[in-house]
Full PDB file with SEQRES, HELIX, SHEET, SSBOND, CRYST1, ORIGX, SCALE, CONECT and MASTER records, all heavy atoms in Angstrom:
SEQRES   1 A   32  GLN TYR ALA TYR GLY LEU GLY ILE ARG THR LEU VAL VAL          
SEQRES   2 A   32  GLY VAL GLY ASP PHE ALA ASP ALA VAL THR ALA CYS ASP          
SEQRES   3 A   32  SER TYR THR ARG CYS GLY                                      
HELIX    1 AA1 TYR A    2  GLY A    5  1                                   4    
HELIX    2 AA2 PHE A   18  ALA A   21  1                                   4    
HELIX    3 AA3 VAL A   22  ALA A   24  5                                   3    
SSBOND   1 CYS A   25    CYS A   31                          1555   1555  1.72  
CRYST1    1.000    1.000    1.000  90.00  90.00  90.00 P 1           1          
ORIGX1      1.000000  0.000000  0.000000        0.00000                         
ORIGX2      0.000000  1.000000  0.000000        0.00000                         
ORIGX3      0.000000  0.000000  1.000000        0.00000                         
SCALE1      1.000000  0.000000  0.000000        0.00000                         
SCALE2      0.000000  1.000000  0.000000        0.00000                         
SCALE3      0.000000  0.000000  1.000000        0.00000                         
ATOM      1  N   GLN A   1      -8.296   1.706   8.084  1.00  0.00           N  
ATOM      2  CA  GLN A   1      -9.625   2.280   8.427  1.00  0.00           C  
ATOM      3  C   GLN A   1      -9.954   2.210   9.904  1.00  0.00           C  
ATOM      4  O   GLN A   1     -10.669   3.014  10.391  1.00  0.00           O  
ATOM      5  CB  GLN A   1     -10.620   1.520   7.530  1.00  0.00           C  
ATOM      6  CG  GLN A   1     -10.512   1.736   5.971  1.00  0.00           C  
ATOM      7  CD  GLN A   1     -11.345   0.876   5.121  1.00  0.00           C  
ATOM      8  OE1 GLN A   1     -11.673  -0.292   5.555  1.00  0.00           O  
ATOM      9  NE2 GLN A   1     -11.701   1.356   3.961  1.00  0.00           N  
ATOM     10  N   TYR A   2      -9.583   1.058  10.587  1.00  0.00           N  
ATOM     11  CA  TYR A   2      -9.694   1.023  11.983  1.00  0.00           C  
ATOM     12  C   TYR A   2      -9.136   2.129  12.673  1.00  0.00           C  
ATOM     13  O   TYR A   2      -9.678   2.798  13.600  1.00  0.00           O  
ATOM     14  CB  TYR A   2      -9.253  -0.307  12.399  1.00  0.00           C  
ATOM     15  CG  TYR A   2      -9.047  -0.503  13.966  1.00  0.00           C  
ATOM     16  CD1 TYR A   2     -10.176  -0.761  14.740  1.00  0.00           C  
ATOM     17  CD2 TYR A   2      -7.741  -0.423  14.479  1.00  0.00           C  
ATOM     18  CE1 TYR A   2      -9.945  -0.849  16.143  1.00  0.00           C  
ATOM     19  CE2 TYR A   2      -7.688  -0.530  15.903  1.00  0.00           C  
ATOM     20  CZ  TYR A   2      -8.701  -0.818  16.678  1.00  0.00           C  
ATOM     21  OH  TYR A   2      -8.598  -0.954  18.056  1.00  0.00           O  
ATOM     22  N   ALA A   3      -7.796   2.380  12.309  1.00  0.00           N  
ATOM     23  CA  ALA A   3      -7.090   3.546  12.975  1.00  0.00           C  
ATOM     24  C   ALA A   3      -7.816   4.779  12.785  1.00  0.00           C  
ATOM     25  O   ALA A   3      -7.949   5.620  13.723  1.00  0.00           O  
ATOM     26  CB  ALA A   3      -5.685   3.581  12.450  1.00  0.00           C  
ATOM     27  N   TYR A   4      -8.281   5.003  11.565  1.00  0.00           N  
ATOM     28  CA  TYR A   4      -8.980   6.261  11.224  1.00  0.00           C  
ATOM     29  C   TYR A   4     -10.242   6.435  12.116  1.00  0.00           C  
ATOM     30  O   TYR A   4     -10.533   7.535  12.519  1.00  0.00           O  
ATOM     31  CB  TYR A   4      -9.358   6.362   9.772  1.00  0.00           C  
ATOM     32  CG  TYR A   4      -9.947   7.670   9.382  1.00  0.00           C  
ATOM     33  CD1 TYR A   4      -9.145   8.841   9.223  1.00  0.00           C  
ATOM     34  CD2 TYR A   4     -11.322   7.824   9.224  1.00  0.00           C  
ATOM     35  CE1 TYR A   4      -9.719  10.079   8.883  1.00  0.00           C  
ATOM     36  CE2 TYR A   4     -11.907   9.145   8.900  1.00  0.00           C  
ATOM     37  CZ  TYR A   4     -11.061  10.172   8.667  1.00  0.00           C  
ATOM     38  OH  TYR A   4     -11.582  11.430   8.415  1.00  0.00           O  
ATOM     39  N   GLY A   5     -10.890   5.336  12.310  1.00  0.00           N  
ATOM     40  CA  GLY A   5     -12.063   5.350  13.193  1.00  0.00           C  
ATOM     41  C   GLY A   5     -11.751   5.737  14.653  1.00  0.00           C  
ATOM     42  O   GLY A   5     -12.576   6.219  15.383  1.00  0.00           O  
ATOM     43  N   LEU A   6     -10.549   5.556  15.026  1.00  0.00           N  
ATOM     44  CA  LEU A   6     -10.033   5.906  16.377  1.00  0.00           C  
ATOM     45  C   LEU A   6      -9.570   7.363  16.385  1.00  0.00           C  
ATOM     46  O   LEU A   6      -9.003   7.907  17.382  1.00  0.00           O  
ATOM     47  CB  LEU A   6      -8.934   5.019  16.831  1.00  0.00           C  
ATOM     48  CG  LEU A   6      -9.344   3.530  17.061  1.00  0.00           C  
ATOM     49  CD1 LEU A   6      -8.060   2.758  17.566  1.00  0.00           C  
ATOM     50  CD2 LEU A   6     -10.388   3.412  18.049  1.00  0.00           C  
ATOM     51  N   GLY A   7      -9.661   8.058  15.248  1.00  0.00           N  
ATOM     52  CA  GLY A   7      -9.074   9.471  15.139  1.00  0.00           C  
ATOM     53  C   GLY A   7      -7.680   9.499  14.855  1.00  0.00           C  
ATOM     54  O   GLY A   7      -6.945  10.462  15.113  1.00  0.00           O  
ATOM     55  N   ILE A   8      -7.115   8.444  14.243  1.00  0.00           N  
ATOM     56  CA  ILE A   8      -5.636   8.320  13.875  1.00  0.00           C  
ATOM     57  C   ILE A   8      -5.500   8.303  12.344  1.00  0.00           C  
ATOM     58  O   ILE A   8      -6.093   7.347  11.832  1.00  0.00           O  
ATOM     59  CB  ILE A   8      -5.011   7.115  14.546  1.00  0.00           C  
ATOM     60  CG1 ILE A   8      -5.189   7.163  16.053  1.00  0.00           C  
ATOM     61  CG2 ILE A   8      -3.544   7.019  14.225  1.00  0.00           C  
ATOM     62  CD1 ILE A   8      -4.931   5.831  16.801  1.00  0.00           C  
ATOM     63  N   ARG A   9      -4.759   9.165  11.829  1.00  0.00           N  
ATOM     64  CA  ARG A   9      -4.482   9.097  10.423  1.00  0.00           C  
ATOM     65  C   ARG A   9      -3.181   8.326  10.130  1.00  0.00           C  
ATOM     66  O   ARG A   9      -2.201   8.560  10.766  1.00  0.00           O  
ATOM     67  CB  ARG A   9      -4.387  10.560   9.810  1.00  0.00           C  
ATOM     68  CG  ARG A   9      -5.760  11.223   9.658  1.00  0.00           C  
ATOM     69  CD  ARG A   9      -5.798  12.704   9.587  1.00  0.00           C  
ATOM     70  NE  ARG A   9      -5.684  13.253  10.898  1.00  0.00           N  
ATOM     71  CZ  ARG A   9      -5.849  14.513  11.139  1.00  0.00           C  
ATOM     72  NH1 ARG A   9      -6.092  15.337  10.174  1.00  0.00           N  
ATOM     73  NH2 ARG A   9      -5.724  15.001  12.334  1.00  0.00           N  
ATOM     74  N   THR A  10      -3.230   7.550   9.047  1.00  0.00           N  
ATOM     75  CA  THR A  10      -2.140   6.717   8.690  1.00  0.00           C  
ATOM     76  C   THR A  10      -1.506   7.173   7.343  1.00  0.00           C  
ATOM     77  O   THR A  10      -2.223   7.247   6.307  1.00  0.00           O  
ATOM     78  CB  THR A  10      -2.568   5.240   8.545  1.00  0.00           C  
ATOM     79  OG1 THR A  10      -3.135   4.770   9.815  1.00  0.00           O  
ATOM     80  CG2 THR A  10      -1.302   4.359   8.141  1.00  0.00           C  
ATOM     81  N   LEU A  11      -0.276   7.654   7.344  1.00  0.00           N  
ATOM     82  CA  LEU A  11       0.402   8.009   6.200  1.00  0.00           C  
ATOM     83  C   LEU A  11       1.522   7.004   5.845  1.00  0.00           C  
ATOM     84  O   LEU A  11       2.271   6.679   6.789  1.00  0.00           O  
ATOM     85  CB  LEU A  11       1.041   9.412   6.343  1.00  0.00           C  
ATOM     86  CG  LEU A  11       0.103  10.408   6.998  1.00  0.00           C  
ATOM     87  CD1 LEU A  11       0.887  11.732   7.216  1.00  0.00           C  
ATOM     88  CD2 LEU A  11      -1.126  10.717   6.196  1.00  0.00           C  
ATOM     89  N   VAL A  12       1.559   6.462   4.674  1.00  0.00           N  
ATOM     90  CA  VAL A  12       2.422   5.367   4.338  1.00  0.00           C  
ATOM     91  C   VAL A  12       3.498   5.717   3.253  1.00  0.00           C  
ATOM     92  O   VAL A  12       3.088   6.318   2.232  1.00  0.00           O  
ATOM     93  CB  VAL A  12       1.516   4.200   3.802  1.00  0.00           C  
ATOM     94  CG1 VAL A  12       2.496   3.029   3.516  1.00  0.00           C  
ATOM     95  CG2 VAL A  12       0.513   3.786   4.722  1.00  0.00           C  
ATOM     96  N   VAL A  13       4.749   5.579   3.666  1.00  0.00           N  
ATOM     97  CA  VAL A  13       5.826   5.851   2.739  1.00  0.00           C  
ATOM     98  C   VAL A  13       6.285   4.472   2.200  1.00  0.00           C  
ATOM     99  O   VAL A  13       6.678   3.578   2.944  1.00  0.00           O  
ATOM    100  CB  VAL A  13       6.969   6.477   3.480  1.00  0.00           C  
ATOM    101  CG1 VAL A  13       8.169   6.782   2.578  1.00  0.00           C  
ATOM    102  CG2 VAL A  13       6.494   7.816   4.077  1.00  0.00           C  
ATOM    103  N   GLY A  14       6.348   4.444   0.875  1.00  0.00           N  
ATOM    104  CA  GLY A  14       6.874   3.130   0.275  1.00  0.00           C  
ATOM    105  C   GLY A  14       8.257   3.481  -0.229  1.00  0.00           C  
ATOM    106  O   GLY A  14       8.409   4.244  -1.186  1.00  0.00           O  
ATOM    107  N   VAL A  15       9.276   2.750   0.244  1.00  0.00           N  
ATOM    108  CA  VAL A  15      10.661   2.918  -0.385  1.00  0.00           C  
ATOM    109  C   VAL A  15      11.067   1.764  -1.129  1.00  0.00           C  
ATOM    110  O   VAL A  15      10.501   0.596  -0.913  1.00  0.00           O  
ATOM    111  CB  VAL A  15      11.589   3.203   0.837  1.00  0.00           C  
ATOM    112  CG1 VAL A  15      11.311   4.431   1.553  1.00  0.00           C  
ATOM    113  CG2 VAL A  15      11.607   2.012   1.704  1.00  0.00           C  
ATOM    114  N   GLY A  16      11.917   1.820  -1.988  1.00  0.00           N  
ATOM    115  CA  GLY A  16      12.479   0.783  -2.934  1.00  0.00           C  
ATOM    116  C   GLY A  16      11.814   0.757  -4.261  1.00  0.00           C  
ATOM    117  O   GLY A  16      11.639   1.799  -4.876  1.00  0.00           O  
ATOM    118  N   ASP A  17      11.459  -0.467  -4.705  1.00  0.00           N  
ATOM    119  CA  ASP A  17      10.993  -0.583  -6.135  1.00  0.00           C  
ATOM    120  C   ASP A  17       9.510  -0.663  -6.210  1.00  0.00           C  
ATOM    121  O   ASP A  17       8.971  -1.286  -7.018  1.00  0.00           O  
ATOM    122  CB  ASP A  17      11.665  -1.800  -6.724  1.00  0.00           C  
ATOM    123  CG  ASP A  17      11.266  -3.148  -5.984  1.00  0.00           C  
ATOM    124  OD1 ASP A  17      10.667  -3.104  -4.968  1.00  0.00           O  
ATOM    125  OD2 ASP A  17      11.622  -4.233  -6.546  1.00  0.00           O  
ATOM    126  N   PHE A  18       8.825   0.029  -5.370  1.00  0.00           N  
ATOM    127  CA  PHE A  18       7.356   0.123  -5.465  1.00  0.00           C  
ATOM    128  C   PHE A  18       6.874   0.437  -6.938  1.00  0.00           C  
ATOM    129  O   PHE A  18       5.804  -0.033  -7.334  1.00  0.00           O  
ATOM    130  CB  PHE A  18       6.665   1.040  -4.521  1.00  0.00           C  
ATOM    131  CG  PHE A  18       6.202   0.459  -3.223  1.00  0.00           C  
ATOM    132  CD1 PHE A  18       6.859   0.592  -2.055  1.00  0.00           C  
ATOM    133  CD2 PHE A  18       5.073  -0.303  -3.375  1.00  0.00           C  
ATOM    134  CE1 PHE A  18       6.303  -0.002  -0.933  1.00  0.00           C  
ATOM    135  CE2 PHE A  18       4.504  -0.881  -2.134  1.00  0.00           C  
ATOM    136  CZ  PHE A  18       5.112  -0.779  -0.949  1.00  0.00           C  
ATOM    137  N   ALA A  19       7.577   1.225  -7.530  1.00  0.00           N  
ATOM    138  CA  ALA A  19       7.154   1.628  -8.890  1.00  0.00           C  
ATOM    139  C   ALA A  19       6.960   0.410  -9.874  1.00  0.00           C  
ATOM    140  O   ALA A  19       6.188   0.515 -10.782  1.00  0.00           O  
ATOM    141  CB  ALA A  19       8.206   2.632  -9.539  1.00  0.00           C  
ATOM    142  N   ASP A  20       7.798  -0.595  -9.608  1.00  0.00           N  
ATOM    143  CA  ASP A  20       7.781  -1.819 -10.445  1.00  0.00           C  
ATOM    144  C   ASP A  20       7.135  -2.982  -9.818  1.00  0.00           C  
ATOM    145  O   ASP A  20       7.095  -4.027 -10.376  1.00  0.00           O  
ATOM    146  CB  ASP A  20       9.196  -2.076 -10.930  1.00  0.00           C  
ATOM    147  CG  ASP A  20       9.911  -0.895 -11.681  1.00  0.00           C  
ATOM    148  OD1 ASP A  20       9.144  -0.314 -12.539  1.00  0.00           O  
ATOM    149  OD2 ASP A  20      11.057  -0.703 -11.425  1.00  0.00           O  
ATOM    150  N   ALA A  21       6.717  -2.781  -8.639  1.00  0.00           N  
ATOM    151  CA  ALA A  21       6.261  -3.911  -7.812  1.00  0.00           C  
ATOM    152  C   ALA A  21       4.982  -4.650  -8.501  1.00  0.00           C  
ATOM    153  O   ALA A  21       4.873  -5.852  -8.314  1.00  0.00           O  
ATOM    154  CB  ALA A  21       5.846  -3.478  -6.324  1.00  0.00           C  
ATOM    155  N   VAL A  22       4.251  -3.882  -9.202  1.00  0.00           N  
ATOM    156  CA  VAL A  22       2.983  -4.486  -9.770  1.00  0.00           C  
ATOM    157  C   VAL A  22       3.288  -5.513 -10.754  1.00  0.00           C  
ATOM    158  O   VAL A  22       2.513  -6.466 -11.089  1.00  0.00           O  
ATOM    159  CB  VAL A  22       2.232  -3.299 -10.409  1.00  0.00           C  
ATOM    160  CG1 VAL A  22       2.773  -2.780 -11.639  1.00  0.00           C  
ATOM    161  CG2 VAL A  22       0.747  -3.885 -10.730  1.00  0.00           C  
ATOM    162  N   THR A  23       4.505  -5.507 -11.353  1.00  0.00           N  
ATOM    163  CA  THR A  23       4.893  -6.485 -12.364  1.00  0.00           C  
ATOM    164  C   THR A  23       5.160  -7.880 -11.705  1.00  0.00           C  
ATOM    165  O   THR A  23       5.080  -8.884 -12.506  1.00  0.00           O  
ATOM    166  CB  THR A  23       6.095  -6.017 -13.197  1.00  0.00           C  
ATOM    167  OG1 THR A  23       7.191  -5.904 -12.304  1.00  0.00           O  
ATOM    168  CG2 THR A  23       5.897  -4.712 -13.847  1.00  0.00           C  
ATOM    169  N   ALA A  24       5.447  -7.940 -10.553  1.00  0.00           N  
ATOM    170  CA  ALA A  24       5.684  -9.166  -9.794  1.00  0.00           C  
ATOM    171  C   ALA A  24       4.575  -9.633  -9.006  1.00  0.00           C  
ATOM    172  O   ALA A  24       4.677 -10.590  -8.129  1.00  0.00           O  
ATOM    173  CB  ALA A  24       6.945  -9.061  -8.930  1.00  0.00           C  
ATOM    174  N   CYS A  25       3.344  -8.979  -9.182  1.00  0.00           N  
ATOM    175  CA  CYS A  25       2.184  -9.274  -8.304  1.00  0.00           C  
ATOM    176  C   CYS A  25       1.144 -10.013  -9.143  1.00  0.00           C  
ATOM    177  O   CYS A  25       1.038  -9.849 -10.370  1.00  0.00           O  
ATOM    178  CB  CYS A  25       1.640  -7.911  -7.906  1.00  0.00           C  
ATOM    179  SG  CYS A  25       0.398  -7.987  -6.606  1.00  0.00           S  
ATOM    180  N   ASP A  26       0.425 -10.842  -8.498  1.00  0.00           N  
ATOM    181  CA  ASP A  26      -0.789 -11.540  -9.059  1.00  0.00           C  
ATOM    182  C   ASP A  26      -1.675 -10.603  -9.561  1.00  0.00           C  
ATOM    183  O   ASP A  26      -1.965  -9.565  -9.045  1.00  0.00           O  
ATOM    184  CB  ASP A  26      -1.456 -12.429  -8.076  1.00  0.00           C  
ATOM    185  CG  ASP A  26      -2.497 -13.342  -8.525  1.00  0.00           C  
ATOM    186  OD1 ASP A  26      -3.574 -12.823  -8.957  1.00  0.00           O  
ATOM    187  OD2 ASP A  26      -2.205 -14.571  -8.696  1.00  0.00           O  
ATOM    188  N   SER A  27      -2.263 -10.828 -10.751  1.00  0.00           N  
ATOM    189  CA  SER A  27      -3.177  -9.956 -11.477  1.00  0.00           C  
ATOM    190  C   SER A  27      -4.459  -9.639 -10.789  1.00  0.00           C  
ATOM    191  O   SER A  27      -5.079  -8.644 -11.058  1.00  0.00           O  
ATOM    192  CB  SER A  27      -3.462 -10.498 -12.848  1.00  0.00           C  
ATOM    193  OG  SER A  27      -4.105 -11.729 -12.775  1.00  0.00           O  
ATOM    194  N   TYR A  28      -4.743 -10.469  -9.822  1.00  0.00           N  
ATOM    195  CA  TYR A  28      -5.934 -10.273  -9.023  1.00  0.00           C  
ATOM    196  C   TYR A  28      -5.738  -9.407  -7.764  1.00  0.00           C  
ATOM    197  O   TYR A  28      -6.717  -9.212  -6.995  1.00  0.00           O  
ATOM    198  CB  TYR A  28      -6.525 -11.552  -8.648  1.00  0.00           C  
ATOM    199  CG  TYR A  28      -7.075 -12.496  -9.747  1.00  0.00           C  
ATOM    200  CD1 TYR A  28      -6.756 -13.925  -9.699  1.00  0.00           C  
ATOM    201  CD2 TYR A  28      -7.525 -11.894 -10.853  1.00  0.00           C  
ATOM    202  CE1 TYR A  28      -7.158 -14.654 -10.759  1.00  0.00           C  
ATOM    203  CE2 TYR A  28      -7.941 -12.753 -11.996  1.00  0.00           C  
ATOM    204  CZ  TYR A  28      -7.686 -14.108 -11.949  1.00  0.00           C  
ATOM    205  OH  TYR A  28      -8.077 -14.859 -12.911  1.00  0.00           O  
ATOM    206  N   THR A  29      -4.508  -8.955  -7.526  1.00  0.00           N  
ATOM    207  CA  THR A  29      -4.204  -8.228  -6.370  1.00  0.00           C  
ATOM    208  C   THR A  29      -3.692  -6.734  -6.690  1.00  0.00           C  
ATOM    209  O   THR A  29      -2.846  -6.669  -7.624  1.00  0.00           O  
ATOM    210  CB  THR A  29      -3.087  -9.000  -5.595  1.00  0.00           C  
ATOM    211  OG1 THR A  29      -3.450 -10.323  -5.289  1.00  0.00           O  
ATOM    212  CG2 THR A  29      -2.754  -8.242  -4.250  1.00  0.00           C  
ATOM    213  N   ARG A  30      -4.078  -5.798  -5.988  1.00  0.00           N  
ATOM    214  CA  ARG A  30      -3.709  -4.435  -6.155  1.00  0.00           C  
ATOM    215  C   ARG A  30      -2.348  -4.199  -5.375  1.00  0.00           C  
ATOM    216  O   ARG A  30      -2.467  -4.027  -4.187  1.00  0.00           O  
ATOM    217  CB  ARG A  30      -4.795  -3.474  -5.805  1.00  0.00           C  
ATOM    218  CG  ARG A  30      -5.944  -3.309  -6.680  1.00  0.00           C  
ATOM    219  CD  ARG A  30      -7.023  -2.473  -6.087  1.00  0.00           C  
ATOM    220  NE  ARG A  30      -6.625  -1.108  -5.906  1.00  0.00           N  
ATOM    221  CZ  ARG A  30      -6.511  -0.144  -6.803  1.00  0.00           C  
ATOM    222  NH1 ARG A  30      -6.843  -0.373  -8.015  1.00  0.00           N  
ATOM    223  NH2 ARG A  30      -6.154   1.088  -6.424  1.00  0.00           N  
ATOM    224  N   CYS A  31      -1.293  -4.297  -6.172  1.00  0.00           N  
ATOM    225  CA  CYS A  31       0.044  -4.193  -5.575  1.00  0.00           C  
ATOM    226  C   CYS A  31       0.676  -2.886  -5.959  1.00  0.00           C  
ATOM    227  O   CYS A  31       0.206  -2.100  -6.827  1.00  0.00           O  
ATOM    228  CB  CYS A  31       0.925  -5.349  -6.030  1.00  0.00           C  
ATOM    229  SG  CYS A  31       0.405  -6.910  -5.261  1.00  0.00           S  
ATOM    230  N   GLY A  32       1.871  -2.597  -5.432  1.00  0.00           N  
ATOM    231  CA  GLY A  32       2.633  -1.432  -5.903  1.00  0.00           C  
ATOM    232  C   GLY A  32       1.914  -0.187  -5.621  1.00  0.00           C  
ATOM    233  O   GLY A  32       1.312   0.015  -4.644  1.00  0.00           O  
TER     234      GLY A  32                                                      
CONECT  179  229                                                                
CONECT  229  179                                                                
MASTER        0    0    0    3    0    0    0    6  233    1    2    3          
END                                                                             
């Protein structure tokens, strides 16, 4: 959000097992 405020767009590529990452994450955290 800070970068966007400077006029910079951030595009994020997740490689690996992001599809299953939520299973290894604390239930209170938005993962994967």
